[in-house]
């Protein structure tokens, strides 16, 4: 309702979305099982007055990039980023504080992986980020027993987003990522490395 109210303030008639084929395939319907719900497929009210336009609906991610390159779009090779932004990378309640934690952790993951790729230590993955998990584990701070949050590092290779293999990040790069996150992000005391392929896992955790 708020969205449509705002649209009325400048006379908008259309809602243009970047929906692509994996979004509606994974969201299920008809004879397809639901793998996960995408915000741009299942999140629109049935009585919405705006006309929906989805020009990329039948394209896969590699095809979207080909279109972007043909149009001269400079961000054509940028890694995918979810519509709900960092909230989807906070498993559990996405409070401002928890989103801030995953933002800081993700910045470190991106910084270290991009630096390693620029030095020729590894190929730049198709997608790479941090996930804040809904578990706290015991740790040590000085002589004190403390509980802290856990972050997962996720990096994958893919072409179309429908399948993916986990990226083989060198151990010294993982070591630097872990050290920086636990030293620089308050409240994080454990970093784990997701080595799951898609399938059976999905790229994003939520």
C-alpha atoms as a PDB file:
ATOM      1  CA  UNK A   1       0.000   0.000   0.000  1.00  0.00           C
ATOM      2  CA  UNK A   2       2.785   2.415   0.909  1.00  0.00           C
ATOM      3  CA  UNK A   3       4.553   1.563  -2.346  1.00  0.00           C
ATOM      4  CA  UNK A   4       1.456   2.422  -4.403  1.00  0.00           C
ATOM      5  CA  UNK A   5       0.859   5.614  -2.417  1.00  0.00           C
ATOM      6  CA  UNK A   6       4.378   6.776  -3.227  1.00  0.00           C
ATOM      7  CA  UNK A   7       3.914   5.819  -6.882  1.00  0.00           C
ATOM      8  CA  UNK A   8       0.834   8.059  -7.055  1.00  0.00           C
ATOM      9  CA  UNK A   9       2.827  11.093  -5.945  1.00  0.00           C
ATOM     10  CA  UNK A  10       4.568  11.232  -9.323  1.00  0.00           C
ATOM     11  CA  UNK A  11       1.916   9.549 -11.467  1.00  0.00           C
ATOM     12  CA  UNK A  12       3.653   6.210 -12.008  1.00  0.00           C
ATOM     13  CA  UNK A  13       1.655   3.709 -14.044  1.00  0.00           C
ATOM     14  CA  UNK A  14       4.176   0.881 -14.345  1.00  0.00           C
ATOM     15  CA  UNK A  15       6.319  -1.216 -12.030  1.00  0.00           C
ATOM     16  CA  UNK A  16       9.431  -2.414 -13.862  1.00  0.00           C
ATOM     17  CA  UNK A  17      11.168  -5.368 -12.220  1.00  0.00           C
ATOM     18  CA  UNK A  18      14.410  -7.171 -12.992  1.00  0.00           C
ATOM     19  CA  UNK A  19      12.829 -10.610 -12.653  1.00  0.00           C
ATOM     20  CA  UNK A  20      14.800 -13.275 -14.520  1.00  0.00           C
ATOM     21  CA  UNK A  21      14.092 -16.915 -15.326  1.00  0.00           C
ATOM     22  CA  UNK A  22      15.691 -18.493 -12.207  1.00  0.00           C
ATOM     23  CA  UNK A  23      13.446 -16.318 -10.002  1.00  0.00           C
ATOM     24  CA  UNK A  24      10.150 -17.759 -11.183  1.00  0.00           C
ATOM     25  CA  UNK A  25      11.551 -21.251 -11.796  1.00  0.00           C
ATOM     26  CA  UNK A  26      12.795 -21.534  -8.200  1.00  0.00           C
ATOM     27  CA  UNK A  27       9.637 -19.943  -6.787  1.00  0.00           C
ATOM     28  CA  UNK A  28       7.572 -22.861  -8.111  1.00  0.00           C
ATOM     29  CA  UNK A  29       4.017 -22.942  -9.397  1.00  0.00           C
ATOM     30  CA  UNK A  30       2.023 -25.136 -11.747  1.00  0.00           C
ATOM     31  CA  UNK A  31       4.000 -28.408 -11.927  1.00  0.00           C
ATOM     32  CA  UNK A  32       7.206 -27.002 -10.400  1.00  0.00           C
ATOM     33  CA  UNK A  33       8.192 -27.503  -6.775  1.00  0.00           C
ATOM     34  CA  UNK A  34       9.069 -24.375  -4.797  1.00  0.00           C
ATOM     35  CA  UNK A  35      12.799 -24.267  -4.091  1.00  0.00           C
ATOM     36  CA  UNK A  36      12.733 -20.814  -2.501  1.00  0.00           C
ATOM     37  CA  UNK A  37      10.459 -17.781  -2.588  1.00  0.00           C
ATOM     38  CA  UNK A  38      11.810 -14.786  -4.482  1.00  0.00           C
ATOM     39  CA  UNK A  39      10.576 -11.378  -3.325  1.00  0.00           C
ATOM     40  CA  UNK A  40       9.790 -10.201  -6.852  1.00  0.00           C
ATOM     41  CA  UNK A  41       7.682 -13.261  -7.704  1.00  0.00           C
ATOM     42  CA  UNK A  42       5.569 -14.007  -4.640  1.00  0.00           C
ATOM     43  CA  UNK A  43       5.656 -10.629  -2.908  1.00  0.00           C
ATOM     44  CA  UNK A  44       3.286  -8.543  -5.041  1.00  0.00           C
ATOM     45  CA  UNK A  45      -0.336  -7.947  -3.928  1.00  0.00           C
ATOM     46  CA  UNK A  46      -2.991  -9.434  -6.206  1.00  0.00           C
ATOM     47  CA  UNK A  47      -4.902  -6.123  -6.349  1.00  0.00           C
ATOM     48  CA  UNK A  48      -1.903  -3.983  -7.306  1.00  0.00           C
ATOM     49  CA  UNK A  49      -2.949  -1.134  -9.607  1.00  0.00           C
ATOM     50  CA  UNK A  50       0.428  -0.650 -11.279  1.00  0.00           C
ATOM     51  CA  UNK A  51       1.040  -2.459 -14.557  1.00  0.00           C
ATOM     52  CA  UNK A  52       3.874  -4.962 -14.167  1.00  0.00           C
ATOM     53  CA  UNK A  53       6.695  -4.965 -16.735  1.00  0.00           C
ATOM     54  CA  UNK A  54       9.421  -7.642 -16.587  1.00  0.00           C
ATOM     55  CA  UNK A  55      11.569  -7.311 -19.735  1.00  0.00           C
ATOM     56  CA  UNK A  56      14.164  -9.873 -18.578  1.00  0.00           C
ATOM     57  CA  UNK A  57      11.720 -12.497 -17.320  1.00  0.00           C
ATOM     58  CA  UNK A  58      12.726 -15.280 -19.713  1.00  0.00           C
ATOM     59  CA  UNK A  59      16.491 -14.674 -19.618  1.00  0.00           C
ATOM     60  CA  UNK A  60      19.114 -16.406 -17.474  1.00  0.00           C
ATOM     61  CA  UNK A  61      21.891 -14.453 -15.756  1.00  0.00           C
ATOM     62  CA  UNK A  62      24.478 -15.111 -18.446  1.00  0.00           C
ATOM     63  CA  UNK A  63      21.985 -13.925 -21.079  1.00  0.00           C
ATOM     64  CA  UNK A  64      21.225 -10.777 -19.050  1.00  0.00           C
ATOM     65  CA  UNK A  65      24.956 -10.017 -19.006  1.00  0.00           C
ATOM     66  CA  UNK A  66      25.153 -10.523 -22.776  1.00  0.00           C
ATOM     67  CA  UNK A  67      22.321  -7.999 -23.228  1.00  0.00           C
ATOM     68  CA  UNK A  68      24.042  -5.561 -20.839  1.00  0.00           C
ATOM     69  CA  UNK A  69      27.329  -5.850 -22.745  1.00  0.00           C
ATOM     70  CA  UNK A  70      25.535  -5.246 -26.040  1.00  0.00           C
ATOM     71  CA  UNK A  71      23.946  -2.108 -24.546  1.00  0.00           C
ATOM     72  CA  UNK A  72      27.277  -0.891 -23.190  1.00  0.00           C
ATOM     73  CA  UNK A  73      26.212  -1.106 -19.540  1.00  0.00           C
ATOM     74  CA  UNK A  74      29.375  -0.700 -17.465  1.00  0.00           C
ATOM     75  CA  UNK A  75      28.221  -2.897 -14.559  1.00  0.00           C
ATOM     76  CA  UNK A  76      27.543  -5.889 -16.820  1.00  0.00           C
ATOM     77  CA  UNK A  77      30.128  -8.044 -15.037  1.00  0.00           C
ATOM     78  CA  UNK A  78      29.263  -7.000 -11.491  1.00  0.00           C
ATOM     79  CA  UNK A  79      28.462  -9.914  -9.189  1.00  0.00           C
ATOM     80  CA  UNK A  80      24.754 -10.622  -8.540  1.00  0.00           C
ATOM     81  CA  UNK A  81      23.152  -8.926  -5.536  1.00  0.00           C
ATOM     82  CA  UNK A  82      19.781  -9.958  -4.061  1.00  0.00           C
ATOM     83  CA  UNK A  83      16.776  -7.643  -4.284  1.00  0.00           C
ATOM     84  CA  UNK A  84      16.152  -7.679  -0.507  1.00  0.00           C
ATOM     85  CA  UNK A  85      19.800  -6.598  -0.149  1.00  0.00           C
ATOM     86  CA  UNK A  86      21.773  -7.675   2.909  1.00  0.00           C
ATOM     87  CA  UNK A  87      18.636  -8.671   4.835  1.00  0.00           C
ATOM     88  CA  UNK A  88      18.618 -11.966   2.911  1.00  0.00           C
ATOM     89  CA  UNK A  89      22.128 -12.672   4.215  1.00  0.00           C
ATOM     90  CA  UNK A  90      21.017 -12.389   7.831  1.00  0.00           C
ATOM     91  CA  UNK A  91      19.529 -15.752   8.779  1.00  0.00           C
ATOM     92  CA  UNK A  92      16.840 -15.033  11.338  1.00  0.00           C
ATOM     93  CA  UNK A  93      15.587 -11.582  12.302  1.00  0.00           C
ATOM     94  CA  UNK A  94      17.177  -8.863  10.170  1.00  0.00           C
ATOM     95  CA  UNK A  95      17.645  -6.150  12.781  1.00  0.00           C
ATOM     96  CA  UNK A  96      19.664  -3.019  11.926  1.00  0.00           C
ATOM     97  CA  UNK A  97      22.429  -4.267  14.229  1.00  0.00           C
ATOM     98  CA  UNK A  98      22.657  -7.693  12.564  1.00  0.00           C
ATOM     99  CA  UNK A  99      22.548  -6.176   9.069  1.00  0.00           C
ATOM    100  CA  UNK A 100      25.437  -3.907  10.097  1.00  0.00           C
ATOM    101  CA  UNK A 101      27.458  -6.973  11.157  1.00  0.00           C
ATOM    102  CA  UNK A 102      26.951  -8.786   7.857  1.00  0.00           C
ATOM    103  CA  UNK A 103      27.703  -5.573   5.930  1.00  0.00           C
ATOM    104  CA  UNK A 104      31.095  -5.265   7.649  1.00  0.00           C
ATOM    105  CA  UNK A 105      31.877  -8.968   7.216  1.00  0.00           C
ATOM    106  CA  UNK A 106      30.866  -8.924   3.538  1.00  0.00           C
ATOM    107  CA  UNK A 107      33.056  -5.894   2.874  1.00  0.00           C
ATOM    108  CA  UNK A 108      36.047  -7.824   4.240  1.00  0.00           C
ATOM    109  CA  UNK A 109      35.206 -10.920   2.160  1.00  0.00           C
ATOM    110  CA  UNK A 110      34.911  -8.810  -0.998  1.00  0.00           C
ATOM    111  CA  UNK A 111      38.065  -6.827  -0.237  1.00  0.00           C
ATOM    112  CA  UNK A 112      40.252  -9.871   0.408  1.00  0.00           C
ATOM    113  CA  UNK A 113      38.939 -11.959  -2.498  1.00  0.00           C
ATOM    114  CA  UNK A 114      39.267  -9.086  -4.967  1.00  0.00           C
ATOM    115  CA  UNK A 115      42.807  -8.398  -3.717  1.00  0.00           C
ATOM    116  CA  UNK A 116      43.750 -12.077  -4.066  1.00  0.00           C
ATOM    117  CA  UNK A 117      42.300 -12.223  -7.579  1.00  0.00           C
ATOM    118  CA  UNK A 118      44.149  -9.057  -8.621  1.00  0.00           C
ATOM    119  CA  UNK A 119      47.418 -10.650  -7.449  1.00  0.00           C
ATOM    120  CA  UNK A 120      46.722 -13.795  -9.471  1.00  0.00           C
ATOM    121  CA  UNK A 121      46.263 -16.001  -6.399  1.00  0.00           C
ATOM    122  CA  UNK A 122      42.799 -17.168  -7.495  1.00  0.00           C
ATOM    123  CA  UNK A 123      40.170 -16.497 -10.162  1.00  0.00           C
ATOM    124  CA  UNK A 124      37.572 -13.897  -9.213  1.00  0.00           C
ATOM    125  CA  UNK A 125      34.467 -15.911  -8.230  1.00  0.00           C
ATOM    126  CA  UNK A 126      31.099 -15.385  -9.878  1.00  0.00           C
ATOM    127  CA  UNK A 127      29.636 -14.384  -6.510  1.00  0.00           C
ATOM    128  CA  UNK A 128      31.173 -14.020  -3.043  1.00  0.00           C
ATOM    129  CA  UNK A 129      29.800 -12.726   0.254  1.00  0.00           C
ATOM    130  CA  UNK A 130      29.312 -13.333   3.984  1.00  0.00           C
ATOM    131  CA  UNK A 131      26.253 -14.734   5.774  1.00  0.00           C
ATOM    132  CA  UNK A 132      25.385 -14.062   9.419  1.00  0.00           C
ATOM    133  CA  UNK A 133      24.129 -17.267  11.042  1.00  0.00           C
ATOM    134  CA  UNK A 134      21.529 -17.452  13.839  1.00  0.00           C
ATOM    135  CA  UNK A 135      23.872 -19.241  16.238  1.00  0.00           C
ATOM    136  CA  UNK A 136      26.200 -18.031  18.928  1.00  0.00           C
ATOM    137  CA  UNK A 137      29.156 -20.109  20.046  1.00  0.00           C
ATOM    138  CA  UNK A 138      31.485 -19.932  23.007  1.00  0.00           C
ATOM    139  CA  UNK A 139      34.767 -18.108  22.594  1.00  0.00           C
ATOM    140  CA  UNK A 140      37.563 -16.501  24.564  1.00  0.00           C
ATOM    141  CA  UNK A 141      38.245 -12.807  25.107  1.00  0.00           C
ATOM    142  CA  UNK A 142      41.287 -12.343  27.306  1.00  0.00           C
ATOM    143  CA  UNK A 143      40.623 -14.643  30.252  1.00  0.00           C
ATOM    144  CA  UNK A 144      36.857 -14.442  29.853  1.00  0.00           C
ATOM    145  CA  UNK A 145      34.363 -16.887  28.373  1.00  0.00           C
ATOM    146  CA  UNK A 146      32.180 -15.047  25.842  1.00  0.00           C
ATOM    147  CA  UNK A 147      29.543 -15.919  23.266  1.00  0.00           C
ATOM    148  CA  UNK A 148      29.811 -14.499  19.767  1.00  0.00           C
ATOM    149  CA  UNK A 149      28.124 -14.659  16.375  1.00  0.00           C
ATOM    150  CA  UNK A 150      29.136 -16.961  13.517  1.00  0.00           C
ATOM    151  CA  UNK A 151      29.734 -15.833   9.928  1.00  0.00           C
ATOM    152  CA  UNK A 152      29.861 -18.107   6.875  1.00  0.00           C
ATOM    153  CA  UNK A 153      31.986 -17.242   3.834  1.00  0.00           C
ATOM    154  CA  UNK A 154      30.290 -18.143   0.538  1.00  0.00           C
ATOM    155  CA  UNK A 155      31.930 -17.964  -2.901  1.00  0.00           C
ATOM    156  CA  UNK A 156      30.763 -19.775  -6.035  1.00  0.00           C
ATOM    157  CA  UNK A 157      31.459 -20.266  -9.728  1.00  0.00           C
ATOM    158  CA  UNK A 158      28.446 -20.291 -12.057  1.00  0.00           C
ATOM    159  CA  UNK A 159      27.263 -19.309 -15.510  1.00  0.00           C
ATOM    160  CA  UNK A 160      23.503 -18.959 -15.276  1.00  0.00           C
ATOM    161  CA  UNK A 161      22.811 -19.159 -11.530  1.00  0.00           C
ATOM    162  CA  UNK A 162      20.835 -22.380 -11.897  1.00  0.00           C
ATOM    163  CA  UNK A 163      23.804 -24.484 -10.802  1.00  0.00           C
ATOM    164  CA  UNK A 164      27.065 -23.567  -9.104  1.00  0.00           C
ATOM    165  CA  UNK A 165      30.244 -25.021  -7.647  1.00  0.00           C
ATOM    166  CA  UNK A 166      31.968 -23.607  -4.603  1.00  0.00           C
ATOM    167  CA  UNK A 167      35.114 -21.574  -5.226  1.00  0.00           C
ATOM    168  CA  UNK A 168      38.434 -23.006  -4.062  1.00  0.00           C
ATOM    169  CA  UNK A 169      39.683 -20.058  -2.014  1.00  0.00           C
ATOM    170  CA  UNK A 170      43.363 -20.507  -1.041  1.00  0.00           C
ATOM    171  CA  UNK A 171      43.920 -21.232   2.649  1.00  0.00           C
ATOM    172  CA  UNK A 172      46.032 -18.129   3.214  1.00  0.00           C
ATOM    173  CA  UNK A 173      43.224 -15.971   1.806  1.00  0.00           C
ATOM    174  CA  UNK A 174      40.697 -17.703   4.056  1.00  0.00           C
ATOM    175  CA  UNK A 175      43.055 -17.182   6.975  1.00  0.00           C
ATOM    176  CA  UNK A 176      43.221 -13.442   6.319  1.00  0.00           C
ATOM    177  CA  UNK A 177      39.432 -13.216   5.900  1.00  0.00           C
ATOM    178  CA  UNK A 178      38.854 -15.039   9.187  1.00  0.00           C
ATOM    179  CA  UNK A 179      41.435 -13.010  11.084  1.00  0.00           C
ATOM    180  CA  UNK A 180      40.110  -9.685   9.831  1.00  0.00           C
ATOM    181  CA  UNK A 181      36.451 -10.524  10.501  1.00  0.00           C
ATOM    182  CA  UNK A 182      37.068 -11.734  14.054  1.00  0.00           C
ATOM    183  CA  UNK A 183      39.381  -8.781  14.783  1.00  0.00           C
ATOM    184  CA  UNK A 184      37.457  -6.006  13.036  1.00  0.00           C
ATOM    185  CA  UNK A 185      33.767  -6.909  13.364  1.00  0.00           C
ATOM    186  CA  UNK A 186      32.539  -6.633  16.972  1.00  0.00           C
ATOM    187  CA  UNK A 187      30.727  -9.694  18.270  1.00  0.00           C
ATOM    188  CA  UNK A 188      31.971 -12.177  15.642  1.00  0.00           C
ATOM    189  CA  UNK A 189      34.117 -14.967  17.088  1.00  0.00           C
ATOM    190  CA  UNK A 190      33.797 -17.742  14.503  1.00  0.00           C
ATOM    191  CA  UNK A 191      34.119 -17.903  10.696  1.00  0.00           C
ATOM    192  CA  UNK A 192      33.164 -20.975   8.649  1.00  0.00           C
ATOM    193  CA  UNK A 193      33.643 -21.711   4.934  1.00  0.00           C
ATOM    194  CA  UNK A 194      30.679 -22.980   2.893  1.00  0.00           C
ATOM    195  CA  UNK A 195      31.898 -25.656   0.443  1.00  0.00           C
ATOM    196  CA  UNK A 196      28.447 -26.678  -0.831  1.00  0.00           C
ATOM    197  CA  UNK A 197      27.554 -26.883  -4.506  1.00  0.00           C
ATOM    198  CA  UNK A 198      24.195 -26.007  -6.103  1.00  0.00           C
ATOM    199  CA  UNK A 199      22.470 -28.437  -6.090  1.00  0.00           C
ATOM    200  CA  UNK A 200      21.964 -29.660  -3.407  1.00  0.00           C
ATOM    201  CA  UNK A 201      22.450 -26.249  -1.726  1.00  0.00           C
ATOM    202  CA  UNK A 202      21.369 -22.895  -3.164  1.00  0.00           C
ATOM    203  CA  UNK A 203      23.780 -20.002  -3.676  1.00  0.00           C
ATOM    204  CA  UNK A 204      22.152 -17.694  -1.133  1.00  0.00           C
ATOM    205  CA  UNK A 205      21.369 -19.192   2.264  1.00  0.00           C
ATOM    206  CA  UNK A 206      17.820 -17.782   2.379  1.00  0.00           C
END
